[in-house]
Amino acid sequence: MQELPNMNSSPNTNSNANSKTALTQPTATICNEAASVSSYLDPSPNDLTVWPGAALIVADCMGTGILALPSDMKILGTFGLFFLVLNLPINYYAGDILHKAANYVESRLDGTDATIEKDNYESVSTSIRSALSDDWNNYDDHPYNDPATQLEQDSPGHHHYGIDTPHTFDFIGITYSLFDHLDGESQRSQLISKPTLLVTAIYYTNIFLVLGNYILVMSHAVAAMIGEDSICLPTAGILASTLMFAICQLRTMATLGRAASVISLLSLAVVVLQCLVAIQMGHESFSYNDKNDVLDSDNWTFWQSIILQFSALSSIGFAVGSQKLLLNIRHEFSDRNKSPKSLGIALFSFGAVYVAVCILAGPNPPALLFDAIPSGLPRRFAGFFLWIHVAVSFAINSQALCSSLDRLKFHRVTIFGLGEYHRARWAVLTFLVGISSYLIANAIPFFKDLVALIGAMTSVPLTLLLPAIYHRKVINLPLFWVGSGTLGDFTSLSLVLFSSIFLVCGVFGSISSIQMDWAHHGRPFSCH
């Protein structure tokens, strides 16, 4: 078994020593044959620490969800606050078992004989040395490189039946590890398993739709900055994309987790404070030709009330869900065992902010908190800061999507020499993802409803259901019934059942909302 040069850094690993590890003859042959083909360069120095990691999670989770939460609380009342607070420890538990499952996978691939007993991840290696097990040596691939070693053509292959990625970088990699590489029945199969294909589709679809939704929010922010009556949303979206594209050139989560995330959160704080001040001062809310007026609960029918409550519950769950990019962020930690601490800090921080904002927004907030700011200079000012915040949130999700696409296939692109120019290839990839998000978001009249529907079908699995499935897979428990009867068995099974019920409620609420809102859809690329 030969070690890769510092593919995943850890405090207990000497990266310089690893980078000088001699290659066996078969692996060296593979690398020499692949030298003529573009290789993937991992730009991460793996130096992310607890507080920048927490800032990344907060910036990703808060996104634009905080602007809709006060309206959700109006629909749900006191139960809404209870449900919001309840989701915080549930999400921490889901993130913790996701981290433990990733530790288990890394210990297996590291060659450590990890013994997993019921509900206990025993002998899971706390240092991740980025090694390949002996039975990987026959797989062919292009080199996986780390810039810290400056050995761009001298590292072993890392291609496994079509999944060219570190195995715990994201949901795709860990699913492949548990259901393909480490699964006894699937290990020698030449086909990728259905779970891996399904998770790949869920992961990419979710992030792509989130990016499209951020494009629309940035369009509204720029329109507010310039003046809603002076510019059409598609045009505002083009202007908004300039800042978005510039921030997307920060290629690692660690880079985004420092200055960019701090600036993003400070910008959001300015916007939220403006909204709360406007509410407290009793200013008249902004309205797009009276189309965004808050619904009067006295006029709701029984079924409308049920539908709106389901939608509000889903909105709260999605605003709190914090596991979608946890593996991506964890991958760049200098000590990955500290990632649950970052998650806990993030959940406590944005949970406290959510509760405070919902209370201070009062009993009758607008549907979108940003519309509490009336037309005029304050709204233009707030639009500028909202643009900055959402642009960073877009960049965080874009980094996860683009890095995955680059590792899987795009690094093999040879046109114009992009395979050798990593930054240029990244710029092209982020541009293609950005323009695709823009076109789909503006071309589909019912895009917001599509985001709600597909989001309900993909966000819950990524944040709650999949961590529970991985946990039960690792400790060999049945998915939907009691196995060992221990506390860990009951808690993970409860998470499976909770997330399944949550998924059904979210899908039902979003489908019903689409039916209620269908008459308000405009034309493709409509001005407002």
Protein backbone atom coordinates (compact mmCIF):
# COMPACT_ATOMS: atom_id res chain seq x y z
CA MET A 1 0.00 0.00 0.00
CA GLN A 2 1.44 3.37 -1.06
CA GLU A 3 0.51 6.76 0.28
CA LEU A 4 -0.66 9.70 -1.79
CA PRO A 5 1.31 12.88 -1.16
CA ASN A 6 -0.73 14.83 1.39
CA MET A 7 -4.06 14.38 -0.39
CA ASN A 8 -5.84 15.13 2.88
CA SER A 9 -3.73 16.88 5.48
CA SER A 10 -4.03 16.11 9.16
CA PRO A 11 -2.14 17.27 12.23
CA ASN A 12 -0.62 13.83 12.68
CA THR A 13 0.65 13.50 9.13
CA ASN A 14 3.97 14.75 7.85
CA SER A 15 3.05 16.10 4.41
CA ASN A 16 6.66 16.53 3.31
CA ALA A 17 7.43 12.93 4.09
CA ASN A 18 4.33 11.75 2.33
CA SER A 19 5.17 13.78 -0.76
CA LYS A 20 8.49 11.96 -1.08
CA THR A 21 7.01 8.49 -0.74
CA ALA A 22 8.35 6.22 -3.45
CA LEU A 23 5.82 4.80 -5.90
CA THR A 24 5.54 1.14 -6.68
CA GLN A 25 6.27 0.19 -10.28
CA PRO A 26 2.57 -0.46 -11.25
CA THR A 27 1.42 2.86 -9.85
CA ALA A 28 4.31 4.75 -11.43
CA THR A 29 3.44 3.19 -14.78
CA ILE A 30 -0.16 4.36 -14.41
CA CYS A 31 1.01 7.90 -13.66
CA ASN A 32 3.43 8.00 -16.59
CA GLU A 33 0.74 6.83 -18.99
CA ALA A 34 -1.61 9.50 -17.65
CA ALA A 35 0.93 12.31 -17.79
CA SER A 36 -0.15 13.22 -21.30
CA VAL A 37 -3.72 13.72 -20.09
CA SER A 38 -4.84 16.64 -17.94
CA SER A 39 -4.66 15.95 -14.20
CA TYR A 40 -6.80 17.26 -11.40
CA LEU A 41 -5.17 19.77 -9.07
CA ASP A 42 -6.73 20.04 -5.65
CA PRO A 43 -6.26 23.72 -4.77
CA SER A 44 -7.02 23.29 -1.07
CA PRO A 45 -4.14 23.58 1.39
CA ASN A 46 -6.33 21.84 4.01
CA ASP A 47 -5.85 24.59 6.57
CA LEU A 48 -9.45 25.40 7.51
CA THR A 49 -10.04 25.90 11.23
CA VAL A 50 -13.07 25.94 13.52
CA TRP A 51 -14.24 29.55 13.28
CA PRO A 52 -13.86 30.02 9.51
CA GLY A 53 -15.59 26.67 9.11
CA ALA A 54 -18.47 27.85 11.26
CA ALA A 55 -18.67 31.09 9.25
CA LEU A 56 -18.95 29.07 6.04
CA ILE A 57 -21.80 26.97 7.42
CA VAL A 58 -23.64 30.05 8.70
CA ALA A 59 -23.22 31.92 5.39
CA ASP A 60 -24.48 28.90 3.45
CA CYS A 61 -27.44 28.11 5.71
CA MET A 62 -28.67 31.64 6.28
CA GLY A 63 -28.60 32.45 2.57
CA THR A 64 -31.97 34.06 1.98
CA GLY A 65 -33.98 31.79 4.30
CA ILE A 66 -33.85 34.29 7.16
CA LEU A 67 -35.86 36.75 5.05
CA ALA A 68 -38.80 34.32 4.81
CA LEU A 69 -38.82 32.97 8.37
CA PRO A 70 -40.82 35.78 10.04
CA SER A 71 -43.68 35.18 7.59
CA ASP A 72 -43.52 31.45 8.36
CA MET A 73 -43.84 32.24 12.06
CA LYS A 74 -46.95 34.29 11.38
CA ILE A 75 -48.54 31.23 9.76
CA LEU A 76 -47.43 28.73 12.42
CA GLY A 77 -47.60 30.86 15.55
CA THR A 78 -45.81 29.69 18.70
CA PHE A 79 -45.44 26.17 17.30
CA GLY A 80 -43.24 27.60 14.54
CA LEU A 81 -40.65 28.82 17.06
CA PHE A 82 -40.78 25.47 18.84
CA PHE A 83 -40.25 23.61 15.56
CA LEU A 84 -37.38 25.94 14.65
CA VAL A 85 -35.57 25.32 17.94
CA LEU A 86 -36.30 21.57 17.75
CA ASN A 87 -34.55 21.32 14.39
CA LEU A 88 -31.27 22.66 15.77
CA PRO A 89 -30.24 19.60 17.86
CA ILE A 90 -31.69 17.26 15.22
CA ASN A 91 -29.43 18.81 12.59
CA TYR A 92 -26.43 18.65 14.90
CA TYR A 93 -27.03 14.94 15.47
CA ALA A 94 -27.35 14.37 11.72
CA GLY A 95 -24.10 16.24 11.09
CA ASP A 96 -22.28 14.37 13.84
CA ILE A 97 -23.17 10.90 12.54
CA LEU A 98 -22.33 12.06 8.99
CA HIS A 99 -18.86 13.04 10.24
CA LYS A 100 -18.45 9.69 12.00
CA ALA A 101 -19.45 7.81 8.87
CA ALA A 102 -16.84 9.80 6.93
CA ASN A 103 -14.23 8.95 9.59
CA TYR A 104 -15.11 5.28 9.20
CA VAL A 105 -14.68 5.41 5.42
CA GLU A 106 -11.34 7.20 5.75
CA SER A 107 -10.09 4.66 8.27
CA ARG A 108 -11.01 1.79 5.94
CA LEU A 109 -9.32 3.41 2.94
CA ASP A 110 -6.35 4.26 5.12
CA GLY A 111 -5.80 0.58 5.69
CA THR A 112 -6.82 0.80 9.35
CA ASP A 113 -8.81 -2.25 10.41
CA ALA A 114 -11.75 -0.36 11.89
CA THR A 115 -13.99 -2.61 13.93
CA ILE A 116 -17.53 -1.24 13.94
CA GLU A 117 -19.84 -2.59 16.60
CA LYS A 118 -23.49 -1.70 17.10
CA ASP A 119 -23.77 2.07 17.59
CA ASN A 120 -20.02 2.45 18.26
CA TYR A 121 -17.48 3.67 15.73
CA GLU A 122 -14.57 1.87 17.38
CA SER A 123 -10.98 2.16 16.22
CA VAL A 124 -11.84 4.85 13.71
CA SER A 125 -8.61 6.59 12.91
CA THR A 126 -8.36 10.15 14.17
CA SER A 127 -5.55 10.92 11.74
CA ILE A 128 -6.35 10.66 8.04
CA ARG A 129 -3.25 9.77 6.11
CA SER A 130 -4.72 9.68 2.62
CA ALA A 131 -3.57 6.21 1.64
CA LEU A 132 -4.91 3.69 -0.84
CA SER A 133 -5.75 0.14 0.13
CA ASP A 134 -3.88 -2.55 -1.79
CA ASP A 135 -6.84 -3.62 -3.89
CA TRP A 136 -7.03 -0.16 -5.51
CA ASN A 137 -3.68 -0.46 -7.29
CA ASN A 138 -5.16 -1.98 -10.44
CA TYR A 139 -7.58 0.90 -11.10
CA ASP A 140 -6.42 3.27 -13.84
CA ASP A 141 -6.80 7.01 -13.71
CA HIS A 142 -5.22 10.36 -14.12
CA PRO A 143 -3.13 11.65 -11.22
CA TYR A 144 -4.65 13.33 -8.24
CA ASN A 145 -2.41 16.20 -7.24
CA ASP A 146 -1.93 18.45 -4.25
CA PRO A 147 -0.35 21.89 -4.80
CA ALA A 148 1.43 21.75 -1.44
CA THR A 149 3.72 19.00 -2.76
CA GLN A 150 4.39 20.62 -6.15
CA LEU A 151 4.35 17.15 -7.68
CA GLU A 152 1.71 17.69 -10.32
CA GLN A 153 2.46 14.55 -12.30
CA ASP A 154 3.88 12.21 -9.69
CA SER A 155 1.02 11.00 -7.51
CA PRO A 156 -0.93 7.74 -7.66
CA GLY A 157 -4.24 7.37 -9.48
CA HIS A 158 -7.55 7.87 -7.77
CA HIS A 159 -10.17 6.73 -10.27
CA HIS A 160 -12.70 4.15 -9.19
CA TYR A 161 -15.15 2.87 -11.76
CA GLY A 162 -16.00 6.36 -12.93
CA ILE A 163 -16.02 8.19 -9.61
CA ASP A 164 -12.86 10.30 -9.70
CA THR A 165 -13.00 11.96 -6.30
CA PRO A 166 -11.69 11.68 -2.74
CA HIS A 167 -14.16 9.42 -1.03
CA THR A 168 -15.36 11.76 1.70
CA PHE A 169 -15.25 15.06 -0.20
CA ASP A 170 -19.03 15.17 -0.67
CA PHE A 171 -22.18 13.04 -0.65
CA ILE A 172 -21.30 11.44 -3.98
CA GLY A 173 -17.95 10.18 -2.74
CA ILE A 174 -19.15 8.80 0.59
CA THR A 175 -22.13 7.07 -1.05
CA TYR A 176 -19.81 5.47 -3.58
CA SER A 177 -17.51 4.33 -0.77
CA LEU A 178 -20.24 2.71 1.31
CA PHE A 179 -22.34 1.21 -1.48
CA ASP A 180 -19.69 0.41 -4.10
CA HIS A 181 -16.09 0.29 -2.95
CA LEU A 182 -16.52 -1.00 0.60
CA ASP A 183 -19.61 -3.08 -0.15
CA GLY A 184 -18.74 -6.74 -0.49
CA GLU A 185 -21.22 -7.48 -3.28
CA SER A 186 -20.52 -4.34 -5.32
CA GLN A 187 -16.77 -4.01 -4.86
CA ARG A 188 -15.81 -5.86 -8.03
CA SER A 189 -18.75 -4.77 -10.14
CA GLN A 190 -17.99 -2.62 -13.16
CA LEU A 191 -21.27 -0.71 -12.69
CA ILE A 192 -21.89 2.15 -10.31
CA SER A 193 -24.63 1.23 -7.86
CA LYS A 194 -28.12 2.73 -7.99
CA PRO A 195 -27.70 4.48 -4.60
CA THR A 196 -24.63 6.31 -5.91
CA LEU A 197 -26.38 7.35 -9.11
CA LEU A 198 -29.45 8.50 -7.17
CA VAL A 199 -27.43 10.54 -4.67
CA THR A 200 -25.44 12.08 -7.54
CA ALA A 201 -28.67 13.22 -9.20
CA ILE A 202 -30.09 14.57 -5.90
CA TYR A 203 -26.88 16.41 -5.02
CA TYR A 204 -26.37 18.11 -8.39
CA THR A 205 -30.05 18.96 -8.84
CA ASN A 206 -30.31 20.54 -5.40
CA ILE A 207 -27.24 22.74 -5.75
CA PHE A 208 -28.08 23.79 -9.31
CA LEU A 209 -31.59 24.88 -8.33
CA VAL A 210 -30.23 26.73 -5.29
CA LEU A 211 -27.87 28.61 -7.62
CA GLY A 212 -30.77 29.55 -9.90
CA ASN A 213 -32.76 30.78 -6.93
CA TYR A 214 -29.82 32.90 -5.76
CA ILE A 215 -29.64 34.43 -9.26
CA LEU A 216 -33.25 35.60 -8.90
CA VAL A 217 -32.65 37.00 -5.40
CA MET A 218 -29.56 38.87 -6.60
CA SER A 219 -31.60 40.21 -9.51
CA HIS A 220 -34.16 41.63 -7.07
CA ALA A 221 -31.35 43.06 -4.90
CA VAL A 222 -29.72 44.88 -7.83
CA ALA A 223 -33.14 46.05 -9.05
CA ALA A 224 -33.78 47.48 -5.57
CA MET A 225 -30.38 49.17 -5.63
CA ILE A 226 -31.02 50.81 -9.01
CA GLY A 227 -34.79 51.20 -8.67
CA GLU A 228 -37.39 48.54 -9.49
CA ASP A 229 -39.12 50.81 -12.00
CA SER A 230 -35.88 51.56 -13.84
CA ILE A 231 -34.63 48.07 -14.73
CA CYS A 232 -36.00 44.65 -15.67
CA LEU A 233 -35.07 41.63 -13.56
CA PRO A 234 -33.21 39.76 -16.35
CA THR A 235 -31.05 42.83 -16.95
CA ALA A 236 -30.49 43.23 -13.21
CA GLY A 237 -29.46 39.58 -13.11
CA ILE A 238 -26.74 40.20 -15.70
CA LEU A 239 -25.36 43.07 -13.63
CA ALA A 240 -25.57 40.99 -10.45
CA SER A 241 -23.57 38.21 -12.10
CA THR A 242 -20.45 40.37 -12.37
CA LEU A 243 -19.79 40.34 -8.63
CA MET A 244 -20.97 36.75 -8.38
CA PHE A 245 -18.48 35.60 -11.04
CA ALA A 246 -15.60 37.47 -9.39
CA ILE A 247 -16.23 35.86 -5.98
CA CYS A 248 -16.60 32.43 -7.61
CA GLN A 249 -12.93 32.59 -8.59
CA LEU A 250 -12.07 31.87 -4.94
CA ARG A 251 -11.54 28.17 -5.55
CA THR A 252 -11.57 26.70 -2.05
CA MET A 253 -13.95 26.62 0.90
CA ALA A 254 -11.07 27.71 3.14
CA THR A 255 -10.62 30.92 1.13
CA LEU A 256 -14.35 31.61 1.12
CA GLY A 257 -14.51 30.91 4.85
CA ARG A 258 -12.25 33.78 5.76
CA ALA A 259 -12.86 37.33 4.54
CA ALA A 260 -15.65 36.52 2.08
CA SER A 261 -17.94 34.82 4.60
CA VAL A 262 -17.35 37.52 7.22
CA ILE A 263 -18.19 40.28 4.72
CA SER A 264 -21.26 38.31 3.64
CA LEU A 265 -22.58 37.95 7.19
CA LEU A 266 -21.89 41.59 8.04
CA SER A 267 -23.77 42.62 4.89
CA LEU A 268 -26.71 40.43 5.85
CA ALA A 269 -26.69 41.94 9.34
CA VAL A 270 -27.01 45.42 7.84
CA VAL A 271 -29.98 44.31 5.71
CA VAL A 272 -31.77 42.57 8.57
CA LEU A 273 -31.26 45.52 10.93
CA GLN A 274 -32.71 47.86 8.31
CA CYS A 275 -35.73 45.58 7.94
CA LEU A 276 -36.34 45.41 11.68
CA VAL A 277 -35.96 49.17 12.11
CA ALA A 278 -38.43 49.77 9.28
CA ILE A 279 -40.94 47.43 10.95
CA GLN A 280 -40.52 49.04 14.37
CA MET A 281 -40.99 52.50 12.86
CA GLY A 282 -44.18 51.39 11.13
CA HIS A 283 -43.06 52.13 7.57
CA GLU A 284 -45.30 50.93 4.77
CA SER A 285 -43.95 47.77 3.16
CA PHE A 286 -42.75 47.79 -0.43
CA SER A 287 -45.03 45.99 -2.91
CA TYR A 288 -44.64 44.93 -6.53
CA ASN A 289 -47.90 46.35 -7.88
CA ASP A 290 -49.70 45.03 -4.79
CA LYS A 291 -48.75 41.44 -5.67
CA ASN A 292 -46.68 40.79 -2.59
CA ASP A 293 -49.22 41.78 0.01
CA VAL A 294 -49.31 39.52 3.03
CA LEU A 295 -52.15 37.06 2.95
CA ASP A 296 -54.93 37.74 5.42
CA SER A 297 -55.31 34.65 7.58
CA ASP A 298 -58.98 35.48 8.17
CA ASN A 299 -59.67 34.70 4.51
CA TRP A 300 -57.95 31.31 4.44
CA THR A 301 -60.01 28.20 3.84
CA PHE A 302 -59.24 25.12 5.93
CA TRP A 303 -57.22 23.47 3.15
CA GLN A 304 -55.36 26.67 2.34
CA SER A 305 -54.40 26.91 5.99
CA ILE A 306 -53.10 23.30 6.03
CA ILE A 307 -51.15 23.83 2.79
CA LEU A 308 -49.56 27.06 4.01
CA GLN A 309 -48.60 25.44 7.31
CA PHE A 310 -46.92 22.52 5.54
CA SER A 311 -45.06 24.95 3.30
CA ALA A 312 -44.00 27.00 6.32
CA LEU A 313 -42.71 23.90 8.13
CA SER A 314 -40.70 22.96 5.06
CA SER A 315 -39.29 26.46 4.80
CA ILE A 316 -38.13 26.31 8.43
CA GLY A 317 -36.53 22.92 7.93
CA PHE A 318 -34.67 24.04 4.83
CA ALA A 319 -33.43 27.21 6.55
CA VAL A 320 -31.93 25.14 9.39
CA GLY A 321 -30.57 22.24 7.29
CA SER A 322 -26.79 22.43 7.55
CA GLN A 323 -25.40 19.13 6.24
CA LYS A 324 -25.56 19.68 2.47
CA LEU A 325 -22.02 21.08 2.25
CA LEU A 326 -20.67 19.80 5.56
CA LEU A 327 -18.50 17.15 3.89
CA ASN A 328 -17.12 19.69 1.41
CA ILE A 329 -16.19 22.02 4.25
CA ARG A 330 -14.89 19.18 6.43
CA HIS A 331 -12.59 18.07 3.57
CA GLU A 332 -10.58 21.29 3.89
CA PHE A 333 -10.06 21.16 7.67
CA SER A 334 -6.55 20.81 9.01
CA ASP A 335 -8.09 18.57 11.70
CA ARG A 336 -11.31 17.06 10.42
CA ASN A 337 -12.40 15.90 13.85
CA LYS A 338 -13.06 19.55 14.71
CA SER A 339 -15.72 19.92 12.01
CA PRO A 340 -18.60 18.93 14.38
CA LYS A 341 -17.50 21.76 16.66
CA SER A 342 -17.85 24.20 13.76
CA LEU A 343 -21.26 22.77 13.03
CA GLY A 344 -22.37 23.22 16.65
CA ILE A 345 -21.16 26.83 16.73
CA ALA A 346 -22.92 27.55 13.45
CA LEU A 347 -26.23 26.00 14.54
CA PHE A 348 -26.20 27.87 17.84
CA SER A 349 -25.30 31.15 16.13
CA PHE A 350 -27.81 31.23 13.32
CA GLY A 351 -30.45 29.55 15.48
CA ALA A 352 -30.23 32.39 18.01
CA VAL A 353 -30.36 34.96 15.20
CA TYR A 354 -33.38 33.25 13.62
CA VAL A 355 -35.34 33.30 16.88
CA ALA A 356 -34.44 36.92 17.62
CA VAL A 357 -35.38 38.11 14.12
CA CYS A 358 -38.69 36.24 14.17
CA ILE A 359 -39.63 37.80 17.50
CA LEU A 360 -38.50 41.32 16.61
CA ALA A 361 -40.28 41.21 13.23
CA GLY A 362 -43.59 41.39 15.07
CA PRO A 363 -46.94 39.73 14.39
CA ASN A 364 -47.46 41.01 10.84
CA PRO A 365 -44.22 40.89 8.82
CA PRO A 366 -44.23 41.00 4.99
CA ALA A 367 -43.89 37.76 3.04
CA LEU A 368 -40.26 38.67 2.35
CA LEU A 369 -38.61 40.56 5.20
CA PHE A 370 -36.60 42.66 2.74
CA ASP A 371 -39.86 44.26 1.54
CA ALA A 372 -40.32 45.84 4.97
CA ILE A 373 -37.92 48.53 3.66
CA PRO A 374 -39.90 51.10 1.66
CA SER A 375 -38.80 52.64 -1.64
CA GLY A 376 -36.08 55.24 -1.44
CA LEU A 377 -32.43 55.56 -0.50
CA PRO A 378 -32.56 53.07 2.43
CA ARG A 379 -33.91 50.36 0.08
CA ARG A 380 -31.17 51.06 -2.47
CA PHE A 381 -28.61 50.84 0.32
CA ALA A 382 -30.07 47.53 1.55
CA GLY A 383 -30.20 46.15 -1.99
CA PHE A 384 -26.45 46.69 -2.35
CA PHE A 385 -25.65 44.77 0.84
CA LEU A 386 -28.12 41.99 0.03
CA TRP A 387 -26.38 41.62 -3.34
CA ILE A 388 -23.02 41.15 -1.61
CA HIS A 389 -24.41 38.59 0.83
CA VAL A 390 -26.20 36.47 -1.78
CA ALA A 391 -23.22 36.62 -4.15
CA VAL A 392 -21.05 34.97 -1.48
CA SER A 393 -23.74 32.37 -0.75
CA PHE A 394 -23.86 31.65 -4.48
CA ALA A 395 -20.06 31.27 -4.58
CA ILE A 396 -20.07 28.77 -1.68
CA ASN A 397 -22.59 26.51 -3.43
CA SER A 398 -20.94 27.06 -6.81
CA GLN A 399 -17.60 25.96 -5.36
CA ALA A 400 -19.13 22.68 -4.21
CA LEU A 401 -20.74 22.00 -7.60
CA CYS A 402 -17.83 23.13 -9.77
CA SER A 403 -15.15 21.34 -7.78
CA SER A 404 -17.15 18.11 -8.02
CA LEU A 405 -17.66 18.51 -11.78
CA ASP A 406 -13.98 19.40 -12.23
CA ARG A 407 -12.79 16.33 -10.33
CA LEU A 408 -15.17 13.99 -12.13
CA LYS A 409 -14.77 15.01 -15.75
CA PHE A 410 -13.98 18.62 -16.53
CA HIS A 411 -10.28 18.43 -15.63
CA ARG A 412 -9.87 16.16 -18.66
CA VAL A 413 -10.93 18.92 -21.06
CA THR A 414 -8.00 19.59 -23.39
CA ILE A 415 -9.43 22.29 -25.69
CA PHE A 416 -7.34 25.50 -25.65
CA GLY A 417 -4.98 23.77 -23.23
CA LEU A 418 -7.44 24.08 -20.33
CA GLY A 419 -6.23 20.80 -18.87
CA GLU A 420 -2.92 22.45 -17.96
CA TYR A 421 -4.23 25.86 -16.91
CA HIS A 422 -6.20 25.16 -13.77
CA ARG A 423 -7.35 28.70 -13.00
CA ALA A 424 -8.48 29.30 -16.58
CA ARG A 425 -10.38 26.00 -16.56
CA TRP A 426 -12.03 26.97 -13.27
CA ALA A 427 -13.05 30.35 -14.70
CA VAL A 428 -14.62 28.64 -17.72
CA LEU A 429 -16.45 26.11 -15.55
CA THR A 430 -17.82 28.72 -13.13
CA PHE A 431 -18.92 30.84 -16.10
CA LEU A 432 -20.77 27.90 -17.67
CA VAL A 433 -22.49 27.05 -14.38
CA GLY A 434 -23.39 30.69 -13.78
CA ILE A 435 -24.84 31.29 -17.25
CA SER A 436 -26.79 28.02 -17.12
CA SER A 437 -28.29 28.98 -13.75
CA TYR A 438 -29.19 32.42 -15.09
CA LEU A 439 -30.87 31.12 -18.26
CA ILE A 440 -32.93 28.44 -16.52
CA ALA A 441 -33.95 30.72 -13.64
CA ASN A 442 -35.27 33.38 -16.04
CA ALA A 443 -36.57 31.13 -18.84
CA ILE A 444 -38.90 29.00 -16.70
CA PRO A 445 -41.90 31.11 -15.59
CA PHE A 446 -42.65 28.78 -12.67
CA PHE A 447 -39.01 28.43 -11.61
CA LYS A 448 -39.64 29.48 -7.99
CA ASP A 449 -42.30 26.80 -7.65
CA LEU A 450 -39.95 24.30 -9.27
CA VAL A 451 -37.29 25.21 -6.71
CA ALA A 452 -39.81 24.65 -3.90
CA LEU A 453 -40.84 21.25 -5.26
CA ILE A 454 -37.40 19.89 -6.15
CA GLY A 455 -35.95 21.49 -3.04
CA ALA A 456 -38.43 19.60 -0.89
CA MET A 457 -37.50 16.37 -2.66
CA THR A 458 -33.73 16.89 -2.38
CA SER A 459 -32.96 19.06 0.67
CA VAL A 460 -34.42 16.69 3.26
CA PRO A 461 -32.47 13.65 1.97
CA LEU A 462 -29.21 15.61 1.91
CA THR A 463 -29.55 17.19 5.34
CA LEU A 464 -31.32 14.51 7.38
CA LEU A 465 -32.14 11.23 5.65
CA LEU A 466 -28.78 10.34 4.07
CA PRO A 467 -26.72 10.85 7.27
CA ALA A 468 -29.08 8.41 9.05
CA ILE A 469 -28.82 5.90 6.19
CA TYR A 470 -25.01 6.08 6.21
CA HIS A 471 -24.95 5.60 9.96
CA ARG A 472 -27.15 2.52 9.84
CA LYS A 473 -25.21 1.15 6.86
CA VAL A 474 -21.91 1.45 8.73
CA ILE A 475 -23.15 -0.31 11.88
CA ASN A 476 -25.13 -2.91 9.89
CA LEU A 477 -28.65 -2.02 11.02
CA PRO A 478 -31.86 -2.37 8.98
CA LEU A 479 -33.10 0.91 7.53
CA PHE A 480 -36.72 1.10 8.64
CA TRP A 481 -36.97 -1.10 11.73
CA VAL A 482 -35.23 -1.70 15.04
CA GLY A 483 -31.98 -3.63 14.88
CA SER A 484 -29.80 -3.82 17.99
CA GLY A 485 -32.27 -2.08 20.28
CA THR A 486 -29.63 0.29 21.66
CA LEU A 487 -29.96 4.04 22.11
CA GLY A 488 -28.02 4.74 18.94
CA ASP A 489 -30.31 2.40 17.03
CA PHE A 490 -33.44 4.22 18.24
CA THR A 491 -32.04 7.73 17.64
CA SER A 492 -30.90 7.03 14.08
CA LEU A 493 -34.17 5.21 13.31
CA SER A 494 -36.08 8.19 14.69
CA LEU A 495 -34.10 10.44 12.35
CA VAL A 496 -35.05 8.23 9.39
CA LEU A 497 -38.74 8.39 10.33
CA PHE A 498 -38.68 12.15 11.07
CA SER A 499 -36.96 12.98 7.79
CA SER A 500 -39.35 10.73 5.84
CA ILE A 501 -42.40 12.48 7.34
CA PHE A 502 -40.76 15.85 6.78
CA LEU A 503 -40.13 14.93 3.13
CA VAL A 504 -43.78 14.01 2.55
CA CYS A 505 -45.01 17.24 4.18
CA GLY A 506 -42.61 19.35 2.14
CA VAL A 507 -43.56 17.76 -1.18
CA PHE A 508 -47.29 18.01 -0.42
CA GLY A 509 -46.99 21.65 0.62
CA SER A 510 -44.94 22.64 -2.43
CA ILE A 511 -47.25 20.88 -4.92
CA SER A 512 -50.30 22.51 -3.39
CA SER A 513 -48.59 25.92 -3.40
CA ILE A 514 -47.84 25.51 -7.10
CA GLN A 515 -51.54 24.94 -7.76
CA MET A 516 -52.51 28.02 -5.73
CA ASP A 517 -49.88 30.24 -7.36
CA TRP A 518 -50.16 29.04 -10.96
CA ALA A 519 -52.26 32.01 -12.12
CA HIS A 520 -49.54 34.50 -11.13
CA HIS A 521 -46.85 33.14 -13.47
CA GLY A 522 -45.53 35.55 -16.10
CA ARG A 523 -43.73 35.00 -19.37
CA PRO A 524 -40.15 33.76 -19.74
CA PHE A 525 -37.66 36.59 -19.06
CA SER A 526 -40.50 38.84 -17.87
CA CYS A 527 -39.53 42.18 -16.35
CA HIS A 528 -40.98 41.54 -12.86
